N, C-alpha and C. Protein backbone atom coordinates (compact mmCIF):
# COMPACT_ATOMS: atom_id res chain seq x y z
N UNK A 1 -17.75 -19.13 -16.92
CA UNK A 1 -17.45 -19.71 -15.62
C UNK A 1 -17.92 -21.16 -15.56
N UNK A 2 -17.09 -22.07 -15.08
CA UNK A 2 -17.40 -23.49 -15.07
C UNK A 2 -18.18 -23.91 -13.83
N UNK A 3 -18.25 -23.08 -12.81
CA UNK A 3 -18.84 -23.47 -11.55
C UNK A 3 -17.82 -24.03 -10.59
N UNK A 4 -16.61 -24.27 -11.05
CA UNK A 4 -15.51 -24.75 -10.21
C UNK A 4 -14.33 -23.79 -10.32
N UNK A 5 -13.56 -23.72 -9.23
CA UNK A 5 -12.37 -22.89 -9.23
C UNK A 5 -11.23 -23.63 -8.54
N UNK A 6 -10.00 -23.25 -8.88
CA UNK A 6 -8.81 -23.78 -8.22
C UNK A 6 -8.40 -22.81 -7.11
N UNK A 7 -8.03 -23.35 -5.96
CA UNK A 7 -7.59 -22.53 -4.83
C UNK A 7 -6.17 -22.93 -4.43
N UNK A 8 -5.42 -21.95 -3.97
CA UNK A 8 -4.05 -22.17 -3.52
C UNK A 8 -3.87 -21.44 -2.19
N UNK A 9 -3.48 -22.18 -1.15
CA UNK A 9 -3.29 -21.59 0.18
C UNK A 9 -1.80 -21.36 0.37
N UNK A 10 -1.41 -20.12 0.67
CA UNK A 10 0.00 -19.76 0.75
C UNK A 10 0.27 -18.84 1.93
N UNK A 11 1.55 -18.72 2.25
CA UNK A 11 2.06 -17.71 3.16
C UNK A 11 2.90 -16.76 2.32
N UNK A 12 2.60 -15.48 2.40
CA UNK A 12 3.30 -14.49 1.59
C UNK A 12 4.38 -13.79 2.41
N UNK A 13 5.64 -13.90 2.01
CA UNK A 13 6.73 -13.26 2.75
C UNK A 13 6.77 -11.75 2.51
N UNK A 14 7.59 -11.02 3.25
CA UNK A 14 7.69 -9.57 3.07
C UNK A 14 8.18 -9.18 1.68
N UNK A 15 8.01 -7.91 1.35
CA UNK A 15 8.40 -7.40 0.03
C UNK A 15 9.89 -7.60 -0.25
N UNK A 16 10.73 -7.53 0.79
CA UNK A 16 12.17 -7.69 0.58
C UNK A 16 12.48 -9.08 0.02
N UNK A 17 11.75 -10.08 0.49
CA UNK A 17 11.94 -11.45 0.00
C UNK A 17 11.42 -11.57 -1.43
N UNK A 18 10.27 -10.97 -1.71
CA UNK A 18 9.72 -11.01 -3.06
C UNK A 18 10.68 -10.37 -4.07
N UNK A 19 11.31 -9.27 -3.67
CA UNK A 19 12.25 -8.61 -4.57
C UNK A 19 13.49 -9.48 -4.81
N UNK A 20 13.97 -10.12 -3.76
CA UNK A 20 15.16 -10.98 -3.89
C UNK A 20 14.85 -12.18 -4.79
N UNK A 21 13.70 -12.80 -4.60
CA UNK A 21 13.32 -13.94 -5.43
C UNK A 21 13.15 -13.51 -6.89
N UNK A 22 12.57 -12.35 -7.11
CA UNK A 22 12.41 -11.86 -8.47
C UNK A 22 13.75 -11.67 -9.16
N UNK A 23 14.73 -11.13 -8.43
CA UNK A 23 16.07 -10.96 -9.01
C UNK A 23 16.71 -12.31 -9.32
N UNK A 24 16.52 -13.27 -8.41
CA UNK A 24 17.06 -14.60 -8.64
C UNK A 24 16.38 -15.27 -9.84
N UNK A 25 15.07 -15.05 -10.00
CA UNK A 25 14.36 -15.56 -11.18
C UNK A 25 14.97 -15.01 -12.46
N UNK A 26 15.24 -13.72 -12.46
CA UNK A 26 15.80 -13.08 -13.65
C UNK A 26 17.22 -13.59 -13.93
N UNK A 27 18.02 -13.71 -12.88
CA UNK A 27 19.38 -14.23 -13.05
C UNK A 27 19.34 -15.67 -13.56
N UNK A 28 18.43 -16.46 -13.01
CA UNK A 28 18.33 -17.87 -13.40
C UNK A 28 17.91 -18.00 -14.86
N UNK A 29 16.96 -17.15 -15.29
CA UNK A 29 16.51 -17.18 -16.67
C UNK A 29 17.64 -16.80 -17.63
N UNK A 30 18.50 -15.90 -17.18
CA UNK A 30 19.63 -15.51 -18.02
C UNK A 30 20.62 -16.66 -18.18
N UNK A 31 20.65 -17.57 -17.20
CA UNK A 31 21.60 -18.69 -17.23
C UNK A 31 21.04 -19.90 -17.98
N UNK A 32 19.75 -20.22 -17.72
CA UNK A 32 19.20 -21.48 -18.27
C UNK A 32 17.99 -21.26 -19.18
N UNK A 33 17.57 -20.03 -19.37
CA UNK A 33 16.38 -19.79 -20.18
C UNK A 33 15.12 -19.89 -19.34
N UNK A 34 13.98 -20.02 -20.00
CA UNK A 34 12.70 -20.03 -19.31
C UNK A 34 12.52 -21.31 -18.47
N UNK A 35 11.69 -21.22 -17.41
CA UNK A 35 11.43 -22.37 -16.56
C UNK A 35 10.11 -22.14 -15.82
N UNK A 36 9.54 -23.22 -15.30
CA UNK A 36 8.33 -23.09 -14.50
C UNK A 36 8.62 -22.20 -13.30
N UNK A 37 7.66 -21.39 -12.94
CA UNK A 37 7.74 -20.49 -11.78
C UNK A 37 8.57 -19.24 -12.02
N UNK A 38 9.02 -19.02 -13.26
CA UNK A 38 9.86 -17.85 -13.52
C UNK A 38 9.17 -16.56 -13.12
N UNK A 39 7.88 -16.46 -13.34
CA UNK A 39 7.16 -15.22 -13.07
C UNK A 39 6.28 -15.30 -11.82
N UNK A 40 6.43 -16.38 -11.05
CA UNK A 40 5.61 -16.53 -9.85
C UNK A 40 6.12 -15.63 -8.72
N UNK A 41 5.19 -15.03 -8.00
CA UNK A 41 5.56 -14.22 -6.85
C UNK A 41 5.97 -15.12 -5.70
N UNK A 42 6.96 -14.70 -4.93
CA UNK A 42 7.49 -15.50 -3.84
C UNK A 42 6.39 -15.86 -2.84
N UNK A 43 6.37 -17.13 -2.42
CA UNK A 43 5.40 -17.58 -1.43
C UNK A 43 5.83 -18.93 -0.87
N UNK A 44 5.23 -19.31 0.25
CA UNK A 44 5.37 -20.64 0.83
C UNK A 44 4.03 -21.34 0.64
N UNK A 45 4.01 -22.39 -0.14
CA UNK A 45 2.76 -23.11 -0.39
C UNK A 45 2.38 -23.96 0.82
N UNK A 46 1.14 -23.84 1.26
CA UNK A 46 0.61 -24.66 2.35
C UNK A 46 -0.17 -25.83 1.79
N UNK A 47 -1.06 -25.56 0.85
CA UNK A 47 -1.87 -26.62 0.24
C UNK A 47 -2.57 -26.11 -1.00
N UNK A 48 -2.91 -27.02 -1.89
CA UNK A 48 -3.73 -26.70 -3.05
C UNK A 48 -5.11 -27.31 -2.88
N UNK A 49 -6.12 -26.58 -3.29
CA UNK A 49 -7.49 -27.09 -3.34
C UNK A 49 -7.95 -26.99 -4.79
N UNK A 50 -7.66 -27.96 -5.62
CA UNK A 50 -8.06 -27.88 -7.03
C UNK A 50 -9.53 -28.25 -7.22
N UNK A 51 -10.14 -27.63 -8.22
CA UNK A 51 -11.49 -27.95 -8.67
C UNK A 51 -12.51 -27.99 -7.53
N UNK A 52 -12.76 -26.85 -6.92
CA UNK A 52 -13.73 -26.75 -5.83
C UNK A 52 -14.82 -25.75 -6.20
N UNK A 53 -16.02 -26.01 -5.72
CA UNK A 53 -17.11 -25.06 -5.90
C UNK A 53 -16.96 -23.92 -4.89
N UNK A 54 -17.08 -22.66 -5.34
CA UNK A 54 -16.93 -21.53 -4.42
C UNK A 54 -17.83 -21.61 -3.19
N UNK A 55 -19.02 -22.15 -3.35
CA UNK A 55 -19.94 -22.27 -2.22
C UNK A 55 -19.35 -23.14 -1.12
N UNK A 56 -18.67 -24.22 -1.51
CA UNK A 56 -18.05 -25.09 -0.52
C UNK A 56 -16.97 -24.35 0.27
N UNK A 57 -16.13 -23.61 -0.47
CA UNK A 57 -15.03 -22.88 0.17
C UNK A 57 -15.57 -21.77 1.07
N UNK A 58 -16.56 -21.03 0.56
CA UNK A 58 -17.13 -19.93 1.35
C UNK A 58 -17.64 -20.43 2.70
N UNK A 59 -18.21 -21.62 2.72
CA UNK A 59 -18.79 -22.14 3.95
C UNK A 59 -17.72 -22.52 4.98
N UNK A 60 -16.49 -22.76 4.52
CA UNK A 60 -15.40 -23.12 5.43
C UNK A 60 -14.75 -21.92 6.11
N UNK A 61 -14.88 -20.75 5.51
CA UNK A 61 -14.09 -19.61 5.94
C UNK A 61 -14.33 -19.15 7.39
N UNK A 62 -15.56 -19.04 7.86
CA UNK A 62 -15.74 -18.57 9.25
C UNK A 62 -15.00 -19.44 10.27
N UNK A 63 -15.09 -20.76 10.13
CA UNK A 63 -14.41 -21.65 11.07
C UNK A 63 -12.90 -21.54 10.92
N UNK A 64 -12.40 -21.47 9.68
CA UNK A 64 -10.96 -21.35 9.48
C UNK A 64 -10.44 -20.05 10.08
N UNK A 65 -11.17 -18.96 9.91
CA UNK A 65 -10.75 -17.69 10.48
C UNK A 65 -10.65 -17.77 12.00
N UNK A 66 -11.60 -18.45 12.63
CA UNK A 66 -11.56 -18.60 14.09
C UNK A 66 -10.38 -19.47 14.51
N UNK A 67 -10.16 -20.57 13.79
CA UNK A 67 -9.09 -21.49 14.15
C UNK A 67 -7.71 -20.85 14.03
N UNK A 68 -7.53 -20.03 13.01
CA UNK A 68 -6.21 -19.44 12.78
C UNK A 68 -5.84 -18.39 13.83
N UNK A 69 -6.81 -17.97 14.62
CA UNK A 69 -6.51 -17.06 15.73
C UNK A 69 -5.73 -17.76 16.84
N UNK A 70 -5.59 -19.09 16.74
CA UNK A 70 -4.78 -19.82 17.71
C UNK A 70 -3.29 -19.76 17.36
N UNK A 71 -2.97 -19.16 16.22
CA UNK A 71 -1.58 -19.06 15.77
C UNK A 71 -1.06 -17.63 15.86
N UNK A 72 0.16 -17.44 16.36
CA UNK A 72 0.78 -16.12 16.31
C UNK A 72 1.34 -15.86 14.92
N UNK A 73 1.70 -14.63 14.59
CA UNK A 73 2.45 -14.40 13.35
C UNK A 73 3.72 -15.25 13.36
N UNK A 74 4.12 -15.70 12.19
CA UNK A 74 5.32 -16.53 12.07
C UNK A 74 6.56 -15.66 11.93
N UNK A 75 7.51 -15.88 12.81
CA UNK A 75 8.83 -15.26 12.66
C UNK A 75 9.82 -16.39 12.43
N UNK A 76 10.49 -16.35 11.28
CA UNK A 76 11.42 -17.43 10.93
C UNK A 76 12.59 -16.86 10.15
N UNK A 77 13.53 -17.73 9.82
CA UNK A 77 14.74 -17.29 9.13
C UNK A 77 14.91 -18.00 7.79
N UNK A 78 15.26 -17.22 6.77
CA UNK A 78 15.72 -17.81 5.52
C UNK A 78 17.21 -18.05 5.67
N UNK A 79 17.66 -19.25 5.33
CA UNK A 79 19.07 -19.60 5.52
C UNK A 79 19.57 -20.38 4.30
N UNK A 80 20.03 -19.65 3.30
CA UNK A 80 20.63 -20.28 2.14
C UNK A 80 19.64 -20.98 1.22
N UNK A 81 20.15 -21.92 0.43
CA UNK A 81 19.36 -22.55 -0.62
C UNK A 81 19.53 -24.07 -0.57
N UNK A 82 18.54 -24.74 -1.12
CA UNK A 82 18.58 -26.20 -1.23
C UNK A 82 17.77 -26.60 -2.47
N UNK A 83 17.58 -27.89 -2.67
CA UNK A 83 16.83 -28.31 -3.85
C UNK A 83 16.09 -29.62 -3.59
N UNK A 84 15.03 -29.84 -4.37
CA UNK A 84 14.33 -31.12 -4.43
C UNK A 84 14.70 -31.80 -5.74
N UNK A 85 14.97 -33.09 -5.66
CA UNK A 85 15.21 -33.89 -6.86
C UNK A 85 13.96 -34.70 -7.15
N UNK A 86 13.26 -34.37 -8.23
CA UNK A 86 12.02 -35.06 -8.58
C UNK A 86 12.24 -36.12 -9.66
N UNK A 87 13.43 -36.64 -9.73
CA UNK A 87 13.79 -37.66 -10.72
C UNK A 87 14.00 -37.03 -12.11
N UNK A 88 12.91 -36.64 -12.77
CA UNK A 88 13.04 -36.07 -14.11
C UNK A 88 13.25 -34.57 -14.10
N UNK A 89 12.89 -33.92 -13.02
CA UNK A 89 13.08 -32.47 -12.89
C UNK A 89 13.58 -32.16 -11.48
N UNK A 90 13.96 -30.90 -11.28
CA UNK A 90 14.45 -30.46 -9.97
C UNK A 90 13.86 -29.08 -9.65
N UNK A 91 13.80 -28.78 -8.36
CA UNK A 91 13.34 -27.49 -7.89
C UNK A 91 14.39 -26.91 -6.96
N UNK A 92 14.82 -25.69 -7.23
CA UNK A 92 15.75 -24.97 -6.35
C UNK A 92 14.94 -23.99 -5.51
N UNK A 93 15.24 -23.93 -4.22
CA UNK A 93 14.44 -23.07 -3.35
C UNK A 93 15.28 -22.43 -2.25
N UNK A 94 14.75 -21.35 -1.68
CA UNK A 94 15.33 -20.73 -0.50
C UNK A 94 14.84 -21.48 0.72
N UNK A 95 15.75 -21.85 1.62
CA UNK A 95 15.42 -22.68 2.77
C UNK A 95 14.84 -21.86 3.92
N UNK A 96 13.78 -22.38 4.51
CA UNK A 96 13.23 -21.82 5.74
C UNK A 96 13.82 -22.62 6.89
N UNK A 97 14.58 -21.97 7.75
CA UNK A 97 15.26 -22.66 8.84
C UNK A 97 14.27 -23.31 9.79
N UNK A 98 14.53 -24.57 10.13
CA UNK A 98 13.61 -25.34 10.95
C UNK A 98 14.08 -25.42 12.40
N UNK A 99 13.91 -24.33 13.15
CA UNK A 99 14.18 -24.41 14.58
C UNK A 99 12.93 -24.91 15.29
N UNK A 100 13.01 -25.09 16.61
CA UNK A 100 11.92 -25.70 17.37
C UNK A 100 10.62 -24.91 17.23
N UNK A 101 10.72 -23.57 17.29
CA UNK A 101 9.52 -22.74 17.22
C UNK A 101 8.86 -22.84 15.84
N UNK A 102 9.66 -22.81 14.79
CA UNK A 102 9.13 -22.89 13.43
C UNK A 102 8.48 -24.25 13.17
N UNK A 103 9.12 -25.31 13.63
CA UNK A 103 8.55 -26.66 13.47
C UNK A 103 7.21 -26.76 14.17
N UNK A 104 7.13 -26.24 15.41
CA UNK A 104 5.87 -26.29 16.16
C UNK A 104 4.79 -25.48 15.47
N UNK A 105 5.16 -24.34 14.92
CA UNK A 105 4.19 -23.46 14.26
C UNK A 105 3.60 -24.14 13.02
N UNK A 106 4.45 -24.69 12.17
CA UNK A 106 3.96 -25.33 10.95
C UNK A 106 3.17 -26.61 11.27
N UNK A 107 3.60 -27.32 12.29
CA UNK A 107 2.86 -28.52 12.69
C UNK A 107 1.44 -28.15 13.10
N UNK A 108 1.30 -27.06 13.84
CA UNK A 108 -0.03 -26.62 14.28
C UNK A 108 -0.85 -26.14 13.08
N UNK A 109 -0.23 -25.40 12.18
CA UNK A 109 -0.94 -24.91 10.99
C UNK A 109 -1.48 -26.08 10.17
N UNK A 110 -0.69 -27.11 9.97
CA UNK A 110 -1.10 -28.23 9.11
C UNK A 110 -2.24 -29.03 9.72
N UNK A 111 -2.51 -28.87 11.00
CA UNK A 111 -3.64 -29.56 11.62
C UNK A 111 -4.97 -29.11 11.02
N UNK A 112 -4.98 -27.92 10.44
CA UNK A 112 -6.22 -27.38 9.88
C UNK A 112 -6.42 -27.78 8.42
N UNK A 113 -5.49 -28.53 7.86
CA UNK A 113 -5.56 -28.90 6.45
C UNK A 113 -5.28 -30.39 6.29
N UNK A 114 -5.83 -30.98 5.25
CA UNK A 114 -5.56 -32.38 4.98
C UNK A 114 -4.20 -32.52 4.31
N UNK A 115 -3.71 -33.76 4.26
CA UNK A 115 -2.42 -33.98 3.62
C UNK A 115 -1.34 -34.26 4.65
N UNK A 116 -0.21 -34.76 4.18
CA UNK A 116 0.88 -35.12 5.07
C UNK A 116 1.82 -33.97 5.35
N UNK A 117 3.00 -34.32 5.83
CA UNK A 117 4.00 -33.31 6.17
C UNK A 117 4.59 -32.70 4.90
N UNK A 118 5.23 -31.55 5.06
CA UNK A 118 5.86 -30.91 3.91
C UNK A 118 7.05 -30.09 4.39
N UNK A 119 7.89 -29.69 3.47
CA UNK A 119 9.06 -28.88 3.78
C UNK A 119 8.76 -27.43 3.40
N UNK A 120 8.60 -26.54 4.37
CA UNK A 120 8.35 -25.13 4.03
C UNK A 120 9.54 -24.57 3.24
N UNK A 121 9.24 -23.92 2.13
CA UNK A 121 10.31 -23.39 1.29
C UNK A 121 9.75 -22.31 0.38
N UNK A 122 10.66 -21.53 -0.21
CA UNK A 122 10.29 -20.48 -1.16
C UNK A 122 10.97 -20.81 -2.49
N UNK A 123 10.18 -21.17 -3.47
CA UNK A 123 10.73 -21.63 -4.75
C UNK A 123 11.49 -20.52 -5.49
N UNK A 124 12.63 -20.90 -6.02
CA UNK A 124 13.40 -20.02 -6.91
C UNK A 124 13.16 -20.45 -8.36
N UNK A 125 13.35 -21.73 -8.64
CA UNK A 125 13.18 -22.25 -10.01
C UNK A 125 12.63 -23.67 -9.93
N UNK A 126 11.49 -23.88 -10.56
CA UNK A 126 10.83 -25.18 -10.55
C UNK A 126 10.80 -25.78 -11.95
N UNK A 127 10.79 -27.11 -12.03
CA UNK A 127 10.69 -27.78 -13.32
C UNK A 127 11.97 -27.75 -14.13
N UNK A 128 13.10 -27.74 -13.46
CA UNK A 128 14.38 -27.69 -14.17
C UNK A 128 14.76 -29.08 -14.69
N UNK A 129 15.17 -29.14 -15.92
CA UNK A 129 15.70 -30.39 -16.47
C UNK A 129 17.03 -30.69 -15.78
N UNK A 130 17.49 -31.95 -15.82
CA UNK A 130 18.79 -32.25 -15.22
C UNK A 130 19.92 -31.36 -15.74
N UNK A 131 19.90 -31.07 -17.03
CA UNK A 131 20.95 -30.23 -17.61
C UNK A 131 20.86 -28.80 -17.08
N UNK A 132 19.62 -28.26 -16.99
CA UNK A 132 19.43 -26.90 -16.49
C UNK A 132 19.81 -26.81 -15.02
N UNK A 133 19.43 -27.83 -14.24
CA UNK A 133 19.80 -27.83 -12.83
C UNK A 133 21.31 -27.85 -12.66
N UNK A 134 21.98 -28.70 -13.40
CA UNK A 134 23.44 -28.81 -13.31
C UNK A 134 24.11 -27.49 -13.64
N UNK A 135 23.50 -26.73 -14.51
CA UNK A 135 24.07 -25.44 -14.93
C UNK A 135 23.75 -24.33 -13.92
N UNK A 136 22.55 -24.39 -13.32
CA UNK A 136 22.10 -23.31 -12.45
C UNK A 136 22.53 -23.48 -11.00
N UNK A 137 22.53 -24.70 -10.48
CA UNK A 137 22.78 -24.90 -9.06
C UNK A 137 24.13 -24.33 -8.59
N UNK A 138 25.23 -24.48 -9.34
CA UNK A 138 26.49 -23.88 -8.86
C UNK A 138 26.38 -22.38 -8.63
N UNK A 139 25.61 -21.69 -9.47
CA UNK A 139 25.44 -20.24 -9.29
C UNK A 139 24.60 -19.94 -8.04
N UNK A 140 23.44 -20.61 -7.91
CA UNK A 140 22.56 -20.33 -6.78
C UNK A 140 23.21 -20.73 -5.46
N UNK A 141 23.87 -21.86 -5.44
CA UNK A 141 24.45 -22.37 -4.19
C UNK A 141 25.55 -21.46 -3.65
N UNK A 142 26.14 -20.63 -4.50
CA UNK A 142 27.17 -19.69 -4.05
C UNK A 142 26.58 -18.42 -3.43
N UNK A 143 25.29 -18.20 -3.63
CA UNK A 143 24.66 -17.00 -3.09
C UNK A 143 24.47 -17.13 -1.58
N UNK A 144 24.66 -16.05 -0.87
CA UNK A 144 24.42 -16.05 0.57
C UNK A 144 23.10 -15.34 0.86
N UNK A 145 22.31 -15.96 1.71
CA UNK A 145 21.04 -15.32 2.08
C UNK A 145 20.65 -15.77 3.48
N UNK A 146 20.78 -14.85 4.40
CA UNK A 146 20.27 -15.04 5.76
C UNK A 146 19.40 -13.83 6.08
N UNK A 147 18.16 -14.08 6.37
CA UNK A 147 17.22 -12.98 6.63
C UNK A 147 16.10 -13.46 7.55
N UNK A 148 15.83 -12.66 8.58
CA UNK A 148 14.71 -12.95 9.47
C UNK A 148 13.45 -12.31 8.87
N UNK A 149 12.37 -13.08 8.79
CA UNK A 149 11.14 -12.57 8.19
C UNK A 149 9.95 -12.80 9.13
N UNK A 150 8.92 -12.03 8.92
CA UNK A 150 7.69 -12.16 9.71
C UNK A 150 6.51 -12.27 8.74
N UNK A 151 5.66 -13.24 8.99
CA UNK A 151 4.46 -13.46 8.16
C UNK A 151 3.25 -13.40 9.07
N UNK A 152 2.35 -12.46 8.81
CA UNK A 152 1.27 -12.21 9.76
C UNK A 152 -0.11 -12.64 9.27
N UNK A 153 -0.15 -13.31 8.11
CA UNK A 153 -1.47 -13.74 7.61
C UNK A 153 -1.33 -14.92 6.66
N UNK A 154 -2.42 -15.65 6.50
CA UNK A 154 -2.54 -16.71 5.52
C UNK A 154 -3.32 -16.16 4.33
N UNK A 155 -2.85 -16.44 3.13
CA UNK A 155 -3.49 -15.92 1.93
C UNK A 155 -4.08 -17.07 1.12
N UNK A 156 -5.32 -16.92 0.72
CA UNK A 156 -5.99 -17.90 -0.14
C UNK A 156 -6.19 -17.27 -1.51
N UNK A 157 -5.60 -17.91 -2.52
CA UNK A 157 -5.71 -17.44 -3.90
C UNK A 157 -6.69 -18.33 -4.65
N UNK A 158 -7.30 -17.81 -5.70
CA UNK A 158 -8.16 -18.66 -6.52
C UNK A 158 -8.12 -18.18 -7.98
N UNK A 159 -8.51 -19.09 -8.86
CA UNK A 159 -8.57 -18.76 -10.28
C UNK A 159 -9.67 -19.60 -10.92
N UNK A 160 -10.19 -19.10 -12.03
CA UNK A 160 -11.18 -19.85 -12.80
C UNK A 160 -10.48 -21.05 -13.44
N UNK A 161 -11.14 -22.18 -13.46
CA UNK A 161 -10.55 -23.35 -14.09
C UNK A 161 -10.41 -23.18 -15.60
N UNK A 162 -11.41 -22.55 -16.21
CA UNK A 162 -11.37 -22.30 -17.65
C UNK A 162 -11.67 -20.82 -17.87
N UNK A 163 -10.66 -20.07 -18.26
CA UNK A 163 -10.84 -18.64 -18.46
C UNK A 163 -9.72 -18.12 -19.35
N UNK A 164 -9.97 -16.97 -19.95
CA UNK A 164 -8.96 -16.35 -20.80
C UNK A 164 -7.73 -15.98 -19.98
N UNK A 165 -7.95 -15.44 -18.78
CA UNK A 165 -6.86 -15.08 -17.88
C UNK A 165 -6.97 -15.95 -16.64
N UNK A 166 -6.43 -17.16 -16.70
CA UNK A 166 -6.56 -18.11 -15.60
C UNK A 166 -5.42 -17.96 -14.59
N UNK A 167 -5.22 -16.74 -14.09
CA UNK A 167 -4.18 -16.49 -13.11
C UNK A 167 -4.79 -16.42 -11.72
N UNK A 168 -3.99 -16.76 -10.72
CA UNK A 168 -4.46 -16.72 -9.35
C UNK A 168 -4.59 -15.28 -8.87
N UNK A 169 -5.68 -15.01 -8.19
CA UNK A 169 -5.91 -13.70 -7.57
C UNK A 169 -6.32 -13.91 -6.12
N UNK A 170 -6.11 -12.89 -5.29
CA UNK A 170 -6.41 -13.02 -3.87
C UNK A 170 -7.91 -13.17 -3.65
N UNK A 171 -8.28 -14.22 -2.97
CA UNK A 171 -9.66 -14.47 -2.57
C UNK A 171 -9.89 -14.01 -1.14
N UNK A 172 -8.96 -14.34 -0.25
CA UNK A 172 -9.11 -13.95 1.15
C UNK A 172 -7.74 -13.95 1.84
N UNK A 173 -7.56 -12.98 2.73
CA UNK A 173 -6.38 -12.93 3.59
C UNK A 173 -6.85 -13.04 5.03
N UNK A 174 -6.33 -14.03 5.75
CA UNK A 174 -6.77 -14.29 7.12
C UNK A 174 -5.62 -14.01 8.07
N UNK A 175 -5.76 -13.02 8.95
CA UNK A 175 -4.65 -12.66 9.85
C UNK A 175 -4.47 -13.68 10.97
N UNK A 176 -3.23 -13.83 11.41
CA UNK A 176 -2.95 -14.60 12.60
C UNK A 176 -3.14 -13.68 13.82
N UNK A 177 -3.05 -14.25 15.00
CA UNK A 177 -3.33 -13.50 16.22
C UNK A 177 -2.10 -12.71 16.67
N UNK A 178 -2.13 -11.41 16.47
CA UNK A 178 -0.97 -10.57 16.78
C UNK A 178 -0.75 -10.41 18.28
N UNK A 179 -1.69 -10.85 19.09
CA UNK A 179 -1.52 -10.79 20.54
C UNK A 179 -0.65 -11.94 21.05
N UNK A 180 -0.42 -12.94 20.20
CA UNK A 180 0.37 -14.09 20.59
C UNK A 180 1.82 -13.94 20.13
N UNK A 181 2.71 -14.55 20.89
CA UNK A 181 4.14 -14.52 20.59
C UNK A 181 4.60 -15.93 20.22
N UNK A 182 5.39 -16.06 19.16
CA UNK A 182 5.74 -17.38 18.66
C UNK A 182 6.62 -18.16 19.65
N UNK A 183 7.48 -17.50 20.40
CA UNK A 183 8.32 -18.21 21.35
C UNK A 183 7.48 -18.77 22.50
N UNK A 184 6.55 -17.97 23.00
CA UNK A 184 5.65 -18.45 24.04
C UNK A 184 4.77 -19.57 23.51
N UNK A 185 4.31 -19.40 22.27
CA UNK A 185 3.49 -20.42 21.62
C UNK A 185 4.24 -21.75 21.56
N UNK A 186 5.50 -21.72 21.13
CA UNK A 186 6.29 -22.94 21.01
C UNK A 186 6.52 -23.59 22.37
N UNK A 187 6.77 -22.80 23.39
CA UNK A 187 6.97 -23.35 24.74
C UNK A 187 5.70 -24.03 25.24
N UNK A 188 4.57 -23.41 24.98
CA UNK A 188 3.30 -24.00 25.40
C UNK A 188 3.04 -25.32 24.68
N UNK A 189 3.37 -25.36 23.39
CA UNK A 189 3.18 -26.60 22.64
C UNK A 189 4.09 -27.72 23.16
N UNK A 190 5.32 -27.36 23.50
CA UNK A 190 6.24 -28.35 24.04
C UNK A 190 5.77 -28.85 25.39
N UNK A 191 5.24 -27.94 26.21
CA UNK A 191 4.72 -28.33 27.52
C UNK A 191 3.57 -29.30 27.38
N UNK A 192 2.72 -29.04 26.37
CA UNK A 192 1.57 -29.93 26.12
C UNK A 192 2.04 -31.32 25.71
N UNK A 193 3.11 -31.37 24.91
CA UNK A 193 3.66 -32.66 24.48
C UNK A 193 4.24 -33.39 25.69
N UNK A 194 4.97 -32.65 26.54
CA UNK A 194 5.60 -33.26 27.71
C UNK A 194 4.55 -33.83 28.67
N UNK A 195 3.41 -33.18 28.74
CA UNK A 195 2.35 -33.64 29.63
C UNK A 195 1.47 -34.72 29.00
N UNK A 196 1.79 -35.05 27.72
CA UNK A 196 1.03 -36.08 27.01
C UNK A 196 -0.46 -35.81 27.10
N UNK A 197 -0.85 -34.64 26.60
CA UNK A 197 -2.25 -34.24 26.65
C UNK A 197 -3.13 -35.10 25.79
N UNK A 198 -4.41 -34.87 25.88
CA UNK A 198 -5.39 -35.63 25.11
C UNK A 198 -5.26 -35.31 23.63
N UNK A 199 -5.66 -36.26 22.75
CA UNK A 199 -5.63 -36.00 21.30
C UNK A 199 -6.49 -34.80 20.94
N UNK A 200 -6.06 -34.08 19.92
CA UNK A 200 -6.77 -32.88 19.50
C UNK A 200 -8.10 -33.22 18.85
N UNK A 201 -9.07 -32.31 19.02
CA UNK A 201 -10.37 -32.45 18.37
C UNK A 201 -10.49 -31.57 17.14
N UNK A 202 -9.36 -30.98 16.70
CA UNK A 202 -9.40 -30.11 15.54
C UNK A 202 -9.83 -30.89 14.31
N UNK A 203 -10.74 -30.32 13.54
CA UNK A 203 -11.22 -30.95 12.31
C UNK A 203 -10.46 -30.36 11.12
N UNK A 204 -9.84 -31.24 10.32
CA UNK A 204 -9.10 -30.76 9.16
C UNK A 204 -10.07 -30.23 8.11
N UNK A 205 -9.56 -29.28 7.33
CA UNK A 205 -10.36 -28.69 6.28
C UNK A 205 -10.18 -29.48 4.99
N UNK A 206 -10.52 -30.75 5.04
CA UNK A 206 -10.47 -31.59 3.85
C UNK A 206 -11.81 -31.55 3.15
N UNK A 207 -11.78 -31.45 1.83
CA UNK A 207 -13.02 -31.40 1.06
C UNK A 207 -13.31 -32.74 0.40
N UNK A 208 -12.66 -33.80 0.85
CA UNK A 208 -12.86 -35.11 0.23
C UNK A 208 -13.54 -36.05 1.21
């Protein structure tokens, strides 16, 4: 053990989504061969915390658990596929539909973490060369996928920085507040914006 670990904060979709992504991974591998993320379980990445001491992370958890009770479970829709062009590589992903409630929910979630804005998505194939993307995208783009999903917790994964089996394992699962409703939550957030309320005092969980 090095004394440092890598952490990954994610939202884990239902089993039906994991199964669909796994099938798409297998189909994609049959078309273009191996690629980054081929064996990764479906998830929405919120943030990475690389090279952190476990003691630092442990000390953050009580406050984070309390703060996340301000969020209801996320109900959102998967609607087809899209891609990121990273110049030398590309990533194909399942799109998370960005309606008003979903935008408000993710905006509130990101207040608890450092870093800028991001596009919530579920990766299908990452690290594709231009040739592999050109070959795979016509197949994926023809697939239809519309599904309503519910995510009721935030999952924190961690792994040893130097280890024989350096795979991510569950460190902690933090539930959202099941007493809250996302539509009511979004309306309240919009009302607060309309009233031009005072700036938030929420402290981001930045370790830098």
